[in-house]
């Protein structure tokens, strides 16, 4: 790396990027604005709901397979 590139890299402040829009934010923040916060929370809520639905689906599938294969006829 050249001397100029090393100096330029050293001047970039420590930061992260907003998980929604990609703008730079302080390291302790997840998002940059209230709109991004709402979008982020909606996304988390949707992911939790999807995970719960899949868990219920797996349990129902395993239960039905148990009934089909292990209960006497």
PDB file of N, CA and C in Angstrom:
ATOM      1  N   UNK A   1       0.845  -1.164   0.000  1.00  0.00           N
ATOM      2  CA  UNK A   1       0.000   0.000   0.000  1.00  0.00           C
ATOM      3  C   UNK A   1       0.895   1.233   0.000  1.00  0.00           C
ATOM      4  N   UNK A   2       0.548   2.198  -0.802  1.00  0.00           N
ATOM      5  CA  UNK A   2       1.376   3.400  -0.894  1.00  0.00           C
ATOM      6  C   UNK A   2       1.186   4.281   0.340  1.00  0.00           C
ATOM      7  N   UNK A   3       2.102   5.205   0.507  1.00  0.00           N
ATOM      8  CA  UNK A   3       2.066   6.117   1.644  1.00  0.00           C
ATOM      9  C   UNK A   3       0.791   6.963   1.612  1.00  0.00           C
ATOM     10  N   UNK A   4       0.399   7.434   0.443  1.00  0.00           N
ATOM     11  CA  UNK A   4      -0.800   8.269   0.305  1.00  0.00           C
ATOM     12  C   UNK A   4      -2.045   7.465   0.668  1.00  0.00           C
ATOM     13  N   UNK A   5      -2.130   6.236   0.193  1.00  0.00           N
ATOM     14  CA  UNK A   5      -3.291   5.394   0.489  1.00  0.00           C
ATOM     15  C   UNK A   5      -3.375   5.092   1.981  1.00  0.00           C
ATOM     16  N   UNK A   6      -2.238   4.874   2.626  1.00  0.00           N
ATOM     17  CA  UNK A   6      -2.216   4.592   4.055  1.00  0.00           C
ATOM     18  C   UNK A   6      -2.709   5.803   4.847  1.00  0.00           C
ATOM     19  N   UNK A   7      -2.278   7.008   4.458  1.00  0.00           N
ATOM     20  CA  UNK A   7      -2.734   8.227   5.131  1.00  0.00           C
ATOM     21  C   UNK A   7      -4.222   8.426   4.928  1.00  0.00           C
ATOM     22  N   UNK A   8      -4.687   8.196   3.733  1.00  0.00           N
ATOM     23  CA  UNK A   8      -6.103   8.385   3.427  1.00  0.00           C
ATOM     24  C   UNK A   8      -6.958   7.404   4.234  1.00  0.00           C
ATOM     25  N   UNK A   9      -6.496   6.181   4.355  1.00  0.00           N
ATOM     26  CA  UNK A   9      -7.227   5.164   5.097  1.00  0.00           C
ATOM     27  C   UNK A   9      -7.274   5.506   6.584  1.00  0.00           C
ATOM     28  N   UNK A  10      -6.228   6.108   7.112  1.00  0.00           N
ATOM     29  CA  UNK A  10      -6.150   6.437   8.528  1.00  0.00           C
ATOM     30  C   UNK A  10      -7.124   7.549   8.908  1.00  0.00           C
ATOM     31  N   UNK A  11      -7.566   8.362   7.969  1.00  0.00           N
ATOM     32  CA  UNK A  11      -8.449   9.481   8.277  1.00  0.00           C
ATOM     33  C   UNK A  11      -9.920   9.082   8.348  1.00  0.00           C
ATOM     34  N   UNK A  12     -10.285   7.887   7.925  1.00  0.00           N
ATOM     35  CA  UNK A  12     -11.689   7.467   7.961  1.00  0.00           C
ATOM     36  C   UNK A  12     -12.063   7.159   9.407  1.00  0.00           C
ATOM     37  N   UNK A  13     -13.078   7.842   9.953  1.00  0.00           N
ATOM     38  CA  UNK A  13     -13.462   7.587  11.348  1.00  0.00           C
ATOM     39  C   UNK A  13     -14.101   6.204  11.495  1.00  0.00           C
ATOM     40  N   UNK A  14     -14.015   5.675  12.707  1.00  0.00           N
ATOM     41  CA  UNK A  14     -14.603   4.375  13.007  1.00  0.00           C
ATOM     42  C   UNK A  14     -16.120   4.472  12.834  1.00  0.00           C
ATOM     43  N   UNK A  15     -16.699   3.563  12.062  1.00  0.00           N
ATOM     44  CA  UNK A  15     -18.133   3.615  11.803  1.00  0.00           C
ATOM     45  C   UNK A  15     -18.644   2.265  11.330  1.00  0.00           C
ATOM     46  N   UNK A  16     -19.956   2.149  11.281  1.00  0.00           N
ATOM     47  CA  UNK A  16     -20.655   1.020  10.676  1.00  0.00           C
ATOM     48  C   UNK A  16     -21.543   1.604   9.601  1.00  0.00           C
ATOM     49  N   UNK A  17     -22.322   0.735   8.979  1.00  0.00           N
ATOM     50  CA  UNK A  17     -23.273   1.212   7.987  1.00  0.00           C
ATOM     51  C   UNK A  17     -24.675   0.802   8.404  1.00  0.00           C
ATOM     52  N   UNK A  18     -25.624   1.674   8.123  1.00  0.00           N
ATOM     53  CA  UNK A  18     -27.028   1.419   8.426  1.00  0.00           C
ATOM     54  C   UNK A  18     -27.430   0.097   7.765  1.00  0.00           C
ATOM     55  N   UNK A  19     -28.098  -0.774   8.527  1.00  0.00           N
ATOM     56  CA  UNK A  19     -28.478  -2.080   7.990  1.00  0.00           C
ATOM     57  C   UNK A  19     -29.590  -1.981   6.957  1.00  0.00           C
ATOM     58  N   UNK A  20     -30.249  -0.835   6.870  1.00  0.00           N
ATOM     59  CA  UNK A  20     -31.345  -0.659   5.916  1.00  0.00           C
ATOM     60  C   UNK A  20     -30.878   0.062   4.657  1.00  0.00           C
ATOM     61  N   UNK A  21     -30.293   1.255   4.817  1.00  0.00           N
ATOM     62  CA  UNK A  21     -29.969   2.065   3.632  1.00  0.00           C
ATOM     63  C   UNK A  21     -28.475   2.129   3.311  1.00  0.00           C
ATOM     64  N   UNK A  22     -27.610   1.732   4.252  1.00  0.00           N
ATOM     65  CA  UNK A  22     -26.179   1.701   3.978  1.00  0.00           C
ATOM     66  C   UNK A  22     -25.416   2.969   4.308  1.00  0.00           C
ATOM     67  N   UNK A  23     -26.068   3.983   4.863  1.00  0.00           N
ATOM     68  CA  UNK A  23     -25.364   5.210   5.241  1.00  0.00           C
ATOM     69  C   UNK A  23     -24.448   4.945   6.437  1.00  0.00           C
ATOM     70  N   UNK A  24     -23.353   5.685   6.552  1.00  0.00           N
ATOM     71  CA  UNK A  24     -22.467   5.500   7.710  1.00  0.00           C
ATOM     72  C   UNK A  24     -23.153   5.966   8.999  1.00  0.00           C
ATOM     73  N   UNK A  25     -22.974   5.197  10.061  1.00  0.00           N
ATOM     74  CA  UNK A  25     -23.514   5.532  11.384  1.00  0.00           C
ATOM     75  C   UNK A  25     -22.430   5.252  12.419  1.00  0.00           C
ATOM     76  N   UNK A  26     -22.554   5.808  13.630  1.00  0.00           N
ATOM     77  CA  UNK A  26     -21.574   5.506  14.683  1.00  0.00           C
ATOM     78  C   UNK A  26     -21.537   4.000  14.979  1.00  0.00           C
ATOM     79  N   UNK A  27     -20.426   3.504  15.504  1.00  0.00           N
ATOM     80  CA  UNK A  27     -20.270   2.057  15.718  1.00  0.00           C
ATOM     81  C   UNK A  27     -21.327   1.426  16.622  1.00  0.00           C
ATOM     82  N   UNK A  28     -21.877   2.162  17.560  1.00  0.00           N
ATOM     83  CA  UNK A  28     -22.846   1.581  18.484  1.00  0.00           C
ATOM     84  C   UNK A  28     -24.278   1.595  17.941  1.00  0.00           C
ATOM     85  N   UNK A  29     -24.523   2.248  16.825  1.00  0.00           N
ATOM     86  CA  UNK A  29     -25.866   2.343  16.247  1.00  0.00           C
ATOM     87  C   UNK A  29     -26.096   1.258  15.200  1.00  0.00           C
ATOM     88  N   UNK A  30     -27.355   0.863  15.022  1.00  0.00           N
ATOM     89  CA  UNK A  30     -27.730  -0.098  13.982  1.00  0.00           C
ATOM     90  C   UNK A  30     -28.251   0.618  12.736  1.00  0.00           C
ATOM     91  N   UNK A  31     -29.013   1.698  12.963  1.00  0.00           N
ATOM     92  CA  UNK A  31     -29.672   2.400  11.861  1.00  0.00           C
ATOM     93  C   UNK A  31     -29.426   3.897  11.966  1.00  0.00           C
ATOM     94  N   UNK A  32     -29.748   4.616  10.888  1.00  0.00           N
ATOM     95  CA  UNK A  32     -29.393   6.037  10.836  1.00  0.00           C
ATOM     96  C   UNK A  32     -30.549   6.993  11.126  1.00  0.00           C
ATOM     97  N   UNK A  33     -31.802   6.547  10.990  1.00  0.00           N
ATOM     98  CA  UNK A  33     -32.922   7.474  11.140  1.00  0.00           C
ATOM     99  C   UNK A  33     -34.145   6.747  11.694  1.00  0.00           C
ATOM    100  N   UNK A  34     -35.151   7.507  12.127  1.00  0.00           N
ATOM    101  CA  UNK A  34     -36.390   6.873  12.609  1.00  0.00           C
ATOM    102  C   UNK A  34     -37.089   6.033  11.531  1.00  0.00           C
ATOM    103  N   UNK A  35     -37.016   6.470  10.278  1.00  0.00           N
ATOM    104  CA  UNK A  35     -37.641   5.677   9.205  1.00  0.00           C
ATOM    105  C   UNK A  35     -36.940   4.327   9.065  1.00  0.00           C
ATOM    106  N   UNK A  36     -35.607   4.353   9.109  1.00  0.00           N
ATOM    107  CA  UNK A  36     -34.844   3.102   9.018  1.00  0.00           C
ATOM    108  C   UNK A  36     -35.091   2.240  10.255  1.00  0.00           C
ATOM    109  N   UNK A  37     -35.238   2.861  11.433  1.00  0.00           N
ATOM    110  CA  UNK A  37     -35.532   2.124  12.668  1.00  0.00           C
ATOM    111  C   UNK A  37     -36.856   1.375  12.524  1.00  0.00           C
ATOM    112  N   UNK A  38     -37.885   2.049  11.983  1.00  0.00           N
ATOM    113  CA  UNK A  38     -39.193   1.413  11.806  1.00  0.00           C
ATOM    114  C   UNK A  38     -39.088   0.258  10.813  1.00  0.00           C
ATOM    115  N   UNK A  39     -38.393   0.480   9.707  1.00  0.00           N
ATOM    116  CA  UNK A  39     -38.211  -0.574   8.709  1.00  0.00           C
ATOM    117  C   UNK A  39     -37.462  -1.753   9.318  1.00  0.00           C
ATOM    118  N   UNK A  40     -36.425  -1.469  10.111  1.00  0.00           N
ATOM    119  CA  UNK A  40     -35.624  -2.507  10.761  1.00  0.00           C
ATOM    120  C   UNK A  40     -36.478  -3.322  11.734  1.00  0.00           C
ATOM    121  N   UNK A  41     -37.282  -2.635  12.560  1.00  0.00           N
ATOM    122  CA  UNK A  41     -38.139  -3.333  13.519  1.00  0.00           C
ATOM    123  C   UNK A  41     -39.213  -4.150  12.813  1.00  0.00           C
ATOM    124  N   UNK A  42     -39.779  -3.616  11.722  1.00  0.00           N
ATOM    125  CA  UNK A  42     -40.762  -4.378  10.943  1.00  0.00           C
ATOM    126  C   UNK A  42     -40.132  -5.638  10.363  1.00  0.00           C
ATOM    127  N   UNK A  43     -38.914  -5.505   9.880  1.00  0.00           N
ATOM    128  CA  UNK A  43     -38.207  -6.662   9.310  1.00  0.00           C
ATOM    129  C   UNK A  43     -37.947  -7.720  10.383  1.00  0.00           C
ATOM    130  N   UNK A  44     -37.509  -7.285  11.580  1.00  0.00           N
ATOM    131  CA  UNK A  44     -37.280  -8.229  12.677  1.00  0.00           C
ATOM    132  C   UNK A  44     -38.567  -8.938  13.080  1.00  0.00           C
ATOM    133  N   UNK A  45     -39.664  -8.184  13.159  1.00  0.00           N
ATOM    134  CA  UNK A  45     -40.955  -8.762  13.518  1.00  0.00           C
ATOM    135  C   UNK A  45     -41.385  -9.812  12.494  1.00  0.00           C
ATOM    136  N   UNK A  46     -41.203  -9.499  11.215  1.00  0.00           N
ATOM    137  CA  UNK A  46     -41.563 -10.423  10.135  1.00  0.00           C
ATOM    138  C   UNK A  46     -40.701 -11.691  10.188  1.00  0.00           C
ATOM    139  N   UNK A  47     -39.403 -11.523  10.466  1.00  0.00           N
ATOM    140  CA  UNK A  47     -38.513 -12.689  10.573  1.00  0.00           C
ATOM    141  C   UNK A  47     -38.901 -13.580  11.749  1.00  0.00           C
ATOM    142  N   UNK A  48     -39.239 -12.978  12.901  1.00  0.00           N
ATOM    143  CA  UNK A  48     -39.668 -13.767  14.064  1.00  0.00           C
ATOM    144  C   UNK A  48     -40.952 -14.528  13.760  1.00  0.00           C
ATOM    145  N   UNK A  49     -41.892 -13.875  13.103  1.00  0.00           N
ATOM    146  CA  UNK A  49     -43.160 -14.517  12.749  1.00  0.00           C
ATOM    147  C   UNK A  49     -42.920 -15.686  11.800  1.00  0.00           C
ATOM    148  N   UNK A  50     -42.035 -15.501  10.824  1.00  0.00           N
ATOM    149  CA  UNK A  50     -41.716 -16.570   9.875  1.00  0.00           C
ATOM    150  C   UNK A  50     -41.058 -17.743  10.591  1.00  0.00           C
ATOM    151  N   UNK A  51     -40.115 -17.456  11.506  1.00  0.00           N
ATOM    152  CA  UNK A  51     -39.463 -18.528  12.265  1.00  0.00           C
ATOM    153  C   UNK A  51     -40.465 -19.312  13.104  1.00  0.00           C
ATOM    154  N   UNK A  52     -41.390 -18.610  13.753  1.00  0.00           N
ATOM    155  CA  UNK A  52     -42.410 -19.269  14.561  1.00  0.00           C
ATOM    156  C   UNK A  52     -43.309 -20.141  13.686  1.00  0.00           C
ATOM    157  N   UNK A  53     -43.719 -19.636  12.540  1.00  0.00           N
ATOM    158  CA  UNK A  53     -44.553 -20.399  11.612  1.00  0.00           C
ATOM    159  C   UNK A  53     -43.835 -21.672  11.167  1.00  0.00           C
ATOM    160  N   UNK A  54     -42.556 -21.568  10.817  1.00  0.00           N
ATOM    161  CA  UNK A  54     -41.799 -22.744  10.386  1.00  0.00           C
ATOM    162  C   UNK A  54     -41.638 -23.749  11.522  1.00  0.00           C
ATOM    163  N   UNK A  55     -41.425 -23.280  12.745  1.00  0.00           N
ATOM    164  CA  UNK A  55     -41.322 -24.176  13.889  1.00  0.00           C
ATOM    165  C   UNK A  55     -42.624 -24.949  14.081  1.00  0.00           C
ATOM    166  N   UNK A  56     -43.746 -24.257  14.021  1.00  0.00           N
ATOM    167  CA  UNK A  56     -45.049 -24.913  14.151  1.00  0.00           C
ATOM    168  C   UNK A  56     -45.260 -25.906  13.018  1.00  0.00           C
ATOM    169  N   UNK A  57     -44.878 -25.539  11.810  1.00  0.00           N
ATOM    170  CA  UNK A  57     -45.008 -26.432  10.658  1.00  0.00           C
ATOM    171  C   UNK A  57     -44.165 -27.694  10.843  1.00  0.00           C
ATOM    172  N   UNK A  58     -42.925 -27.551  11.302  1.00  0.00           N
ATOM    173  CA  UNK A  58     -42.058 -28.712  11.534  1.00  0.00           C
ATOM    174  C   UNK A  58     -42.639 -29.631  12.605  1.00  0.00           C
ATOM    175  N   UNK A  59     -43.138 -29.047  13.686  1.00  0.00           N
ATOM    176  CA  UNK A  59     -43.726 -29.854  14.757  1.00  0.00           C
ATOM    177  C   UNK A  59     -44.950 -30.603  14.238  1.00  0.00           C
ATOM    178  N   UNK A  60     -45.794 -29.926  13.471  1.00  0.00           N
ATOM    179  CA  UNK A  60     -46.977 -30.581  12.904  1.00  0.00           C
ATOM    180  C   UNK A  60     -46.573 -31.699  11.951  1.00  0.00           C
ATOM    181  N   UNK A  61     -45.564 -31.472  11.139  1.00  0.00           N
ATOM    182  CA  UNK A  61     -45.093 -32.493  10.204  1.00  0.00           C
ATOM    183  C   UNK A  61     -44.536 -33.703  10.951  1.00  0.00           C
ATOM    184  N   UNK A  62     -43.708 -33.465  11.960  1.00  0.00           N
ATOM    185  CA  UNK A  62     -43.165 -34.571  12.748  1.00  0.00           C
ATOM    186  C   UNK A  62     -44.270 -35.322  13.482  1.00  0.00           C
ATOM    187  N   UNK A  63     -45.231 -34.595  14.013  1.00  0.00           N
ATOM    188  CA  UNK A  63     -46.357 -35.242  14.692  1.00  0.00           C
ATOM    189  C   UNK A  63     -47.165 -36.110  13.746  1.00  0.00           C
ATOM    190  N   UNK A  64     -47.443 -35.612  12.566  1.00  0.00           N
ATOM    191  CA  UNK A  64     -48.220 -36.404  11.604  1.00  0.00           C
ATOM    192  C   UNK A  64     -47.422 -37.617  11.133  1.00  0.00           C
ATOM    193  N   UNK A  65     -46.117 -37.482  10.938  1.00  0.00           N
ATOM    194  CA  UNK A  65     -45.297 -38.639  10.570  1.00  0.00           C
ATOM    195  C   UNK A  65     -45.269 -39.672  11.695  1.00  0.00           C
ATOM    196  N   UNK A  66     -45.203 -39.215  12.922  1.00  0.00           N
ATOM    197  CA  UNK A  66     -45.245 -40.129  14.063  1.00  0.00           C
ATOM    198  C   UNK A  66     -46.556 -40.904  14.069  1.00  0.00           C
ATOM    199  N   UNK A  67     -47.659 -40.219  13.867  1.00  0.00           N
ATOM    200  CA  UNK A  67     -48.971 -40.875  13.847  1.00  0.00           C
ATOM    201  C   UNK A  67     -49.040 -41.885  12.713  1.00  0.00           C
ATOM    202  N   UNK A  68     -48.571 -41.535  11.547  1.00  0.00           N
ATOM    203  CA  UNK A  68     -48.647 -42.423  10.382  1.00  0.00           C
ATOM    204  C   UNK A  68     -47.783 -43.667  10.579  1.00  0.00           C
ATOM    205  N   UNK A  69     -46.573 -43.519  11.090  1.00  0.00           N
ATOM    206  CA  UNK A  69     -45.636 -44.640  11.137  1.00  0.00           C
ATOM    207  C   UNK A  69     -45.655 -45.455  12.434  1.00  0.00           C
ATOM    208  N   UNK A  70     -45.994 -44.866  13.556  1.00  0.00           N
ATOM    209  CA  UNK A  70     -45.805 -45.576  14.817  1.00  0.00           C
ATOM    210  C   UNK A  70     -47.081 -45.973  15.544  1.00  0.00           C
ATOM    211  N   UNK A  71     -48.209 -45.465  15.179  1.00  0.00           N
ATOM    212  CA  UNK A  71     -49.439 -45.889  15.842  1.00  0.00           C
ATOM    213  C   UNK A  71     -49.975 -47.144  15.166  1.00  0.00           C
ATOM    214  N   UNK A  72     -50.452 -48.103  15.958  1.00  0.00           N
ATOM    215  CA  UNK A  72     -50.979 -49.333  15.351  1.00  0.00           C
ATOM    216  C   UNK A  72     -52.252 -49.062  14.563  1.00  0.00           C
ATOM    217  N   UNK A  73     -52.456 -49.906  13.580  1.00  0.00           N
ATOM    218  CA  UNK A  73     -53.648 -49.731  12.734  1.00  0.00           C
ATOM    219  C   UNK A  73     -54.766 -50.604  13.180  1.00  0.00           C
TER     220      UNK A  73
END
